[in-house]
C-alpha atoms as a PDB file:
ATOM      1  CA  MET A   1     -14.736 -42.760  24.860  1.00  0.00           C
ATOM      2  CA  THR A   2     -11.469 -43.012  23.634  1.00  0.00           C
ATOM      3  CA  THR A   3     -10.201 -41.497  20.298  1.00  0.00           C
ATOM      4  CA  ARG A   4      -7.402 -43.236  18.011  1.00  0.00           C
ATOM      5  CA  ARG A   5      -4.748 -41.150  16.589  1.00  0.00           C
ATOM      6  CA  VAL A   6      -4.324 -41.522  12.904  1.00  0.00           C
ATOM      7  CA  PRO A   7      -0.693 -42.638  12.910  1.00  0.00           C
ATOM      8  CA  ARG A   8       1.509 -39.832  11.064  1.00  0.00           C
ATOM      9  CA  ALA A   9       4.237 -41.247   8.398  1.00  0.00           C
ATOM     10  CA  ARG A  10       7.873 -41.094   9.791  1.00  0.00           C
ATOM     11  CA  ALA A  11      10.383 -38.239   8.266  1.00  0.00           C
ATOM     12  CA  TYR A  12      12.254 -41.070   6.554  1.00  0.00           C
ATOM     13  CA  ALA A  13       8.970 -43.126   5.348  1.00  0.00           C
ATOM     14  CA  PRO A  14       9.423 -44.088   1.855  1.00  0.00           C
ATOM     15  CA  ASP A  15       8.067 -41.721  -0.876  1.00  0.00           C
ATOM     16  CA  PRO A  16       4.415 -42.950  -1.920  1.00  0.00           C
ATOM     17  CA  ASP A  17       5.337 -42.179  -5.041  1.00  0.00           C
ATOM     18  CA  ALA A  18       8.443 -44.134  -5.586  1.00  0.00           C
ATOM     19  CA  PRO A  19       8.828 -45.670  -9.151  1.00  0.00           C
ATOM     20  CA  GLY A  20      10.032 -49.032  -7.252  1.00  0.00           C
ATOM     21  CA  ARG A  21      13.124 -49.266  -8.978  1.00  0.00           C
ATOM     22  CA  LEU A  22      16.559 -49.532  -7.781  1.00  0.00           C
ATOM     23  CA  CYS A  23      18.781 -46.787  -6.046  1.00  0.00           C
ATOM     24  CA  ASP A  24      19.860 -44.668  -8.203  1.00  0.00           C
ATOM     25  CA  THR A  25      23.662 -45.042  -6.632  1.00  0.00           C
ATOM     26  CA  PRO A  26      25.998 -47.498  -8.863  1.00  0.00           C
ATOM     27  CA  GLY A  27      26.035 -50.861  -7.187  1.00  0.00           C
ATOM     28  CA  CYS A  28      23.317 -50.243  -5.314  1.00  0.00           C
ATOM     29  CA  GLU A  29      20.971 -53.210  -4.803  1.00  0.00           C
ATOM     30  CA  GLU A  30      18.523 -51.386  -2.530  1.00  0.00           C
ATOM     31  CA  LEU A  31      15.207 -50.109  -3.666  1.00  0.00           C
ATOM     32  CA  GLY A  32      14.767 -46.309  -4.306  1.00  0.00           C
ATOM     33  CA  CYS A  33      12.468 -44.934  -2.600  1.00  0.00           C
ATOM     34  CA  TYR A  34      13.476 -41.751  -1.429  1.00  0.00           C
ATOM     35  CA  ARG A  35      13.792 -38.900  -3.939  1.00  0.00           C
ATOM     36  CA  ALA A  36      16.795 -35.952  -3.562  1.00  0.00           C
ATOM     37  CA  PRO A  37      16.382 -32.927  -6.097  1.00  0.00           C
ATOM     38  CA  LYS A  38      19.070 -33.254  -8.804  1.00  0.00           C
ATOM     39  CA  SER A  39      20.599 -30.119  -8.417  1.00  0.00           C
ATOM     40  CA  ARG A  40      19.378 -26.355  -7.753  1.00  0.00           C
ATOM     41  CA  PHE A  41      18.493 -25.601 -11.308  1.00  0.00           C
ATOM     42  CA  ALA A  42      16.566 -29.053 -11.989  1.00  0.00           C
ATOM     43  CA  LEU A  43      14.805 -29.258  -8.363  1.00  0.00           C
ATOM     44  CA  ASN A  44      11.654 -30.871  -9.852  1.00  0.00           C
ATOM     45  CA  GLN A  45      13.799 -33.482 -11.550  1.00  0.00           C
ATOM     46  CA  TYR A  46      14.872 -36.332  -8.572  1.00  0.00           C
ATOM     47  CA  PHE A  47      17.566 -39.232  -8.189  1.00  0.00           C
ATOM     48  CA  TRP A  48      16.070 -42.006  -6.320  1.00  0.00           C
ATOM     49  CA  PHE A  49      18.027 -43.451  -3.660  1.00  0.00           C
ATOM     50  CA  CYS A  50      17.813 -46.092  -0.666  1.00  0.00           C
ATOM     51  CA  LEU A  51      17.541 -44.603   2.742  1.00  0.00           C
ATOM     52  CA  ASP A  52      21.104 -44.724   3.590  1.00  0.00           C
ATOM     53  CA  HIS A  53      22.629 -43.050  -0.095  1.00  0.00           C
ATOM     54  CA  VAL A  54      19.719 -40.251   0.335  1.00  0.00           C
ATOM     55  CA  ARG A  55      20.972 -39.598   3.949  1.00  0.00           C
ATOM     56  CA  ALA A  56      24.648 -39.755   2.184  1.00  0.00           C
ATOM     57  CA  TYR A  57      23.531 -37.317  -0.629  1.00  0.00           C
ATOM     58  CA  ASN A  58      21.686 -34.847   1.990  1.00  0.00           C
ATOM     59  CA  ALA A  59      24.460 -34.369   4.010  1.00  0.00           C
ATOM     60  CA  LYS A  60      26.870 -33.432   0.771  1.00  0.00           C
ATOM     61  CA  TRP A  61      23.698 -31.188  -0.977  1.00  0.00           C
ATOM     62  CA  ASP A  62      24.695 -27.372  -0.816  1.00  0.00           C
ATOM     63  CA  TYR A  63      22.161 -25.569  -2.807  1.00  0.00           C
ATOM     64  CA  TYR A  64      24.436 -22.347  -2.913  1.00  0.00           C
ATOM     65  CA  LYS A  65      27.129 -24.512  -4.016  1.00  0.00           C
ATOM     66  CA  ASP A  66      29.342 -22.552  -6.892  1.00  0.00           C
ATOM     67  CA  MET A  67      28.181 -19.261  -6.101  1.00  0.00           C
ATOM     68  CA  THR A  68      29.541 -16.112  -5.486  1.00  0.00           C
ATOM     69  CA  PRO A  69      28.846 -13.931  -2.018  1.00  0.00           C
ATOM     70  CA  GLY A  70      26.862 -11.425  -4.454  1.00  0.00           C
ATOM     71  CA  GLN A  71      25.077 -14.372  -6.531  1.00  0.00           C
ATOM     72  CA  ILE A  72      23.805 -15.452  -2.671  1.00  0.00           C
ATOM     73  CA  GLU A  73      22.771 -12.256  -1.886  1.00  0.00           C
ATOM     74  CA  MET A  74      20.613 -12.011  -4.762  1.00  0.00           C
ATOM     75  CA  GLU A  75      18.919 -15.341  -4.504  1.00  0.00           C
ATOM     76  CA  LEU A  76      18.374 -14.499  -0.218  1.00  0.00           C
ATOM     77  CA  ARG A  77      16.566 -11.321  -1.825  1.00  0.00           C
ATOM     78  CA  ALA A  78      14.632 -13.171  -4.454  1.00  0.00           C
ATOM     79  CA  ASP A  79      13.255 -15.366  -1.465  1.00  0.00           C
ATOM     80  CA  ALA A  80      11.961 -13.096   0.298  1.00  0.00           C
ATOM     81  CA  SER A  81       9.272 -12.346  -2.427  1.00  0.00           C
ATOM     82  CA  TRP A  82       8.997 -16.471  -2.955  1.00  0.00           C
ATOM     83  CA  GLN A  83      11.433 -15.962  -6.121  1.00  0.00           C
ATOM     84  CA  ARG A  84       8.310 -13.334  -7.931  1.00  0.00           C
ATOM     85  CA  PRO A  85       8.763 -10.722  -9.754  1.00  0.00           C
ATOM     86  CA  THR A  86       8.534  -7.087  -7.808  1.00  0.00           C
ATOM     87  CA  TRP A  87       8.525  -3.474  -8.495  1.00  0.00           C
ATOM     88  CA  ARG A  88       8.494  -0.088  -6.766  1.00  0.00           C
ATOM     89  CA  LEU A  89       5.420   0.697  -5.316  1.00  0.00           C
ATOM     90  CA  GLY A  90       3.214   2.928  -8.115  1.00  0.00           C
ATOM     91  CA  SER A  91       5.115   1.642 -10.934  1.00  0.00           C
ATOM     92  CA  ASN A  92       2.319  -1.558 -11.679  1.00  0.00           C
ATOM     93  CA  GLY A  93       5.585  -2.970 -13.222  1.00  0.00           C
ATOM     94  CA  THR A  94       5.933  -0.087 -16.014  1.00  0.00           C
ATOM     95  CA  ALA A  95       8.241   2.697 -15.718  1.00  0.00           C
ATOM     96  CA  HIS A  96       5.414   5.090 -15.392  1.00  0.00           C
ATOM     97  CA  SER A  97       4.033   6.903 -12.269  1.00  0.00           C
ATOM     98  CA  VAL A  98       0.213   5.917 -10.837  1.00  0.00           C
ATOM     99  CA  GLN A  99      -1.995   6.808 -13.449  1.00  0.00           C
ATOM    100  CA  GLU A 100      -4.337   9.563 -12.608  1.00  0.00           C
ATOM    101  CA  GLU A 101      -7.137   7.704 -13.289  1.00  0.00           C
ATOM    102  CA  LEU A 102      -6.374   5.094 -10.325  1.00  0.00           C
ATOM    103  CA  LEU A 103      -7.051   8.219  -7.968  1.00  0.00           C
ATOM    104  CA  ARG A 104     -10.053   9.552  -9.227  1.00  0.00           C
ATOM    105  CA  ASP A 105     -12.477  10.250  -6.668  1.00  0.00           C
ATOM    106  CA  PRO A 106     -15.828  10.482  -7.437  1.00  0.00           C
ATOM    107  CA  LEU A 107     -18.040  10.017  -4.410  1.00  0.00           C
ATOM    108  CA  LEU A 108     -15.507  12.757  -3.349  1.00  0.00           C
ATOM    109  CA  HIS A 109     -14.304  11.165  -0.032  1.00  0.00           C
ATOM    110  CA  MET A 110     -11.065  13.128  -0.149  1.00  0.00           C
ATOM    111  CA  ASP A 111     -12.065  16.344  -0.399  1.00  0.00           C
ATOM    112  CA  GLY A 112     -13.409  17.777   2.777  1.00  0.00           C
ATOM    113  CA  ARG A 113     -14.820  20.604   1.475  1.00  0.00           C
ATOM    114  CA  ARG A 114     -17.770  18.911  -0.194  1.00  0.00           C
ATOM    115  CA  PRO A 115     -18.845  16.067   0.971  1.00  0.00           C
ATOM    116  CA  HIS A 116     -22.609  16.882   0.109  1.00  0.00           C
ATOM    117  CA  VAL A 117     -22.239  17.563  -3.834  1.00  0.00           C
ATOM    118  CA  ALA A 118     -22.944  15.074  -6.062  1.00  0.00           C
ATOM    119  CA  PRO A 119     -19.637  13.741  -8.658  1.00  0.00           C
ATOM    120  CA  PHE A 120     -18.949  16.111 -11.096  1.00  0.00           C
ATOM    121  CA  GLU A 121     -21.995  18.275 -10.303  1.00  0.00           C
ATOM    122  CA  THR A 122     -20.893  21.994 -11.247  1.00  0.00           C
ATOM    123  CA  ILE A 123     -22.660  24.302  -8.673  1.00  0.00           C
ATOM    124  CA  GLU A 124     -21.719  28.457  -9.871  1.00  0.00           C
ATOM    125  CA  ALA A 125     -21.609  30.785  -7.087  1.00  0.00           C
ATOM    126  CA  PRO A 126     -23.312  33.631  -6.853  1.00  0.00           C
ATOM    127  CA  ALA A 127     -21.609  36.547  -8.563  1.00  0.00           C
ATOM    128  CA  GLU A 128     -21.279  38.622  -5.431  1.00  0.00           C
ATOM    129  CA  LEU A 129     -19.454  35.555  -3.359  1.00  0.00           C
ATOM    130  CA  ARG A 130     -17.026  35.231  -6.338  1.00  0.00           C
ATOM    131  CA  GLN A 131     -14.597  37.069  -5.113  1.00  0.00           C
ATOM    132  CA  PRO A 132     -14.872  36.608  -1.507  1.00  0.00           C
ATOM    133  CA  LEU A 133     -14.545  33.074  -1.992  1.00  0.00           C
ATOM    134  CA  GLY A 134     -11.719  33.191  -4.050  1.00  0.00           C
ATOM    135  CA  VAL A 135      -9.468  35.489  -0.903  1.00  0.00           C
ATOM    136  CA  LEU A 136     -10.397  32.530   1.648  1.00  0.00           C
ATOM    137  CA  GLY A 137      -9.367  29.966  -1.130  1.00  0.00           C
ATOM    138  CA  LEU A 138     -12.960  28.260  -0.566  1.00  0.00           C
ATOM    139  CA  THR A 139     -15.111  26.723  -3.807  1.00  0.00           C
ATOM    140  CA  TRP A 140     -18.565  26.877  -3.948  1.00  0.00           C
ATOM    141  CA  PRO A 141     -20.838  25.462  -2.421  1.00  0.00           C
ATOM    142  CA  VAL A 142     -19.362  25.780   1.290  1.00  0.00           C
ATOM    143  CA  SER A 143     -21.377  25.915   4.689  1.00  0.00           C
ATOM    144  CA  MET A 144     -21.186  28.621   6.954  1.00  0.00           C
ATOM    145  CA  ASP A 145     -19.070  26.259   9.380  1.00  0.00           C
ATOM    146  CA  THR A 146     -16.255  26.087   6.738  1.00  0.00           C
ATOM    147  CA  VAL A 147     -16.193  29.841   5.914  1.00  0.00           C
ATOM    148  CA  LYS A 148     -16.042  30.575   9.443  1.00  0.00           C
ATOM    149  CA  ALA A 149     -13.005  27.467  10.265  1.00  0.00           C
ATOM    150  CA  ARG A 150     -11.228  29.106   7.047  1.00  0.00           C
ATOM    151  CA  TYR A 151     -12.019  32.543   8.094  1.00  0.00           C
ATOM    152  CA  LYS A 152     -10.138  31.754  11.819  1.00  0.00           C
ATOM    153  CA  ALA A 153      -7.097  29.968  10.218  1.00  0.00           C
ATOM    154  CA  LEU A 154      -6.564  32.544   7.563  1.00  0.00           C
ATOM    155  CA  ALA A 155      -6.798  35.338  10.793  1.00  0.00           C
ATOM    156  CA  LYS A 156      -4.237  33.395  12.656  1.00  0.00           C
ATOM    157  CA  LYS A 157      -1.547  32.977  10.307  1.00  0.00           C
ATOM    158  CA  HIS A 158      -2.041  37.002   8.900  1.00  0.00           C
ATOM    159  CA  HIS A 159      -2.189  38.736  11.719  1.00  0.00           C
ATOM    160  CA  PRO A 160       0.569  40.853  13.054  1.00  0.00           C
ATOM    161  CA  ASP A 161       1.160  39.203  16.468  1.00  0.00           C
ATOM    162  CA  ALA A 162       1.953  35.964  14.629  1.00  0.00           C
ATOM    163  CA  ASN A 163       4.380  37.533  12.236  1.00  0.00           C
ATOM    164  CA  GLY A 164       6.537  39.217  14.685  1.00  0.00           C
ATOM    165  CA  GLY A 165       4.586  42.544  14.706  1.00  0.00           C
ATOM    166  CA  ASP A 166       5.007  42.803  10.769  1.00  0.00           C
ATOM    167  CA  VAL A 167       1.330  44.873   9.623  1.00  0.00           C
ATOM    168  CA  ALA A 168       0.090  42.647   7.132  1.00  0.00           C
ATOM    169  CA  GLY A 169      -2.660  45.333   6.441  1.00  0.00           C
ATOM    170  CA  GLU A 170      -3.945  44.385   3.257  1.00  0.00           C
ATOM    171  CA  GLU A 171      -4.141  40.934   3.349  1.00  0.00           C
ATOM    172  CA  ILE A 172      -5.768  40.995   6.887  1.00  0.00           C
ATOM    173  CA  LYS A 173      -8.297  43.721   5.450  1.00  0.00           C
ATOM    174  CA  ALA A 174      -9.144  41.326   2.338  1.00  0.00           C
ATOM    175  CA  ILE A 175      -9.634  38.556   4.699  1.00  0.00           C
ATOM    176  CA  ASN A 176     -11.755  40.479   6.678  1.00  0.00           C
ATOM    177  CA  SER A 177     -14.100  41.766   4.186  1.00  0.00           C
ATOM    178  CA  ALA A 178     -14.414  38.564   2.477  1.00  0.00           C
ATOM    179  CA  TYR A 179     -15.759  36.793   5.695  1.00  0.00           C
ATOM    180  CA  THR A 180     -17.941  39.692   6.420  1.00  0.00           C
ATOM    181  CA  ALA A 181     -19.243  39.188   2.626  1.00  0.00           C
ATOM    182  CA  LEU A 182     -20.064  35.429   2.955  1.00  0.00           C
ATOM    183  CA  LYS A 183     -21.144  36.136   6.438  1.00  0.00           C
ATOM    184  CA  LEU A 184     -24.328  38.360   5.752  1.00  0.00           C
ATOM    185  CA  HIS A 185     -25.009  35.973   2.651  1.00  0.00           C
ATOM    186  CA  TRP A 186     -26.422  33.195   4.700  1.00  0.00           C
ATOM    187  CA  PRO A 187     -29.472  33.478   6.951  1.00  0.00           C
ATOM    188  CA  ALA A 188     -29.416  34.843  10.337  1.00  0.00           C
ATOM    189  CA  GLU A 189     -30.522  31.712  12.087  1.00  0.00           C
ATOM    190  CA  GLU A 190     -27.447  29.802  10.113  1.00  0.00           C
ATOM    191  CA  ARG A 191     -25.271  32.428  11.307  1.00  0.00           C
ATOM    192  CA  GLN A 192     -26.378  32.535  14.480  1.00  0.00           C
ATOM    193  CA  ALA A 193     -25.731  28.481  14.871  1.00  0.00           C
ATOM    194  CA  ALA A 194     -22.168  29.241  13.575  1.00  0.00           C
ATOM    195  CA  ARG A 195     -21.674  31.365  16.490  1.00  0.00           C
ATOM    196  CA  GLY A 196     -22.426  29.291  19.165  1.00  0.00           C
END
């Protein structure tokens, strides 16, 4: 079984929308079956030429004629965005920065410390834990694993060996005492799991 290919129109085939009038070149008696834009300012308005005259017109066509190099550069840059208006990322076409409303995170996906807390839900920390949480820079509720990770990071940062032998005595004491207070708050089994 052989399949026949549908013949494709040749590149120089007459325009099917040709108005059926004579070529727009003065004195030419041929039918104007080929369109060409009148100018770069009127790309949707056409001259209708015969094949010989449309070839001659296309050979002389220069879209950038009479433009300065700066105008040509601006035209090329506009072509990169299909002649559509553009603006800086985040400005949304205005001079304002990204609106805070667009950055809301009601499900707290971007807040790694509290993924299990419902949106806008406020849970107050027990009174005896507020000061230790503040020292470690944590918010309530918090897991023992998070407390342990934060403690390790702060202890490493403020350890005298990490600071060229300088003694950061008060800071490291506050961090250690905050961690101890928080650690004692959790049941023994969770403390054991965090230790392992």
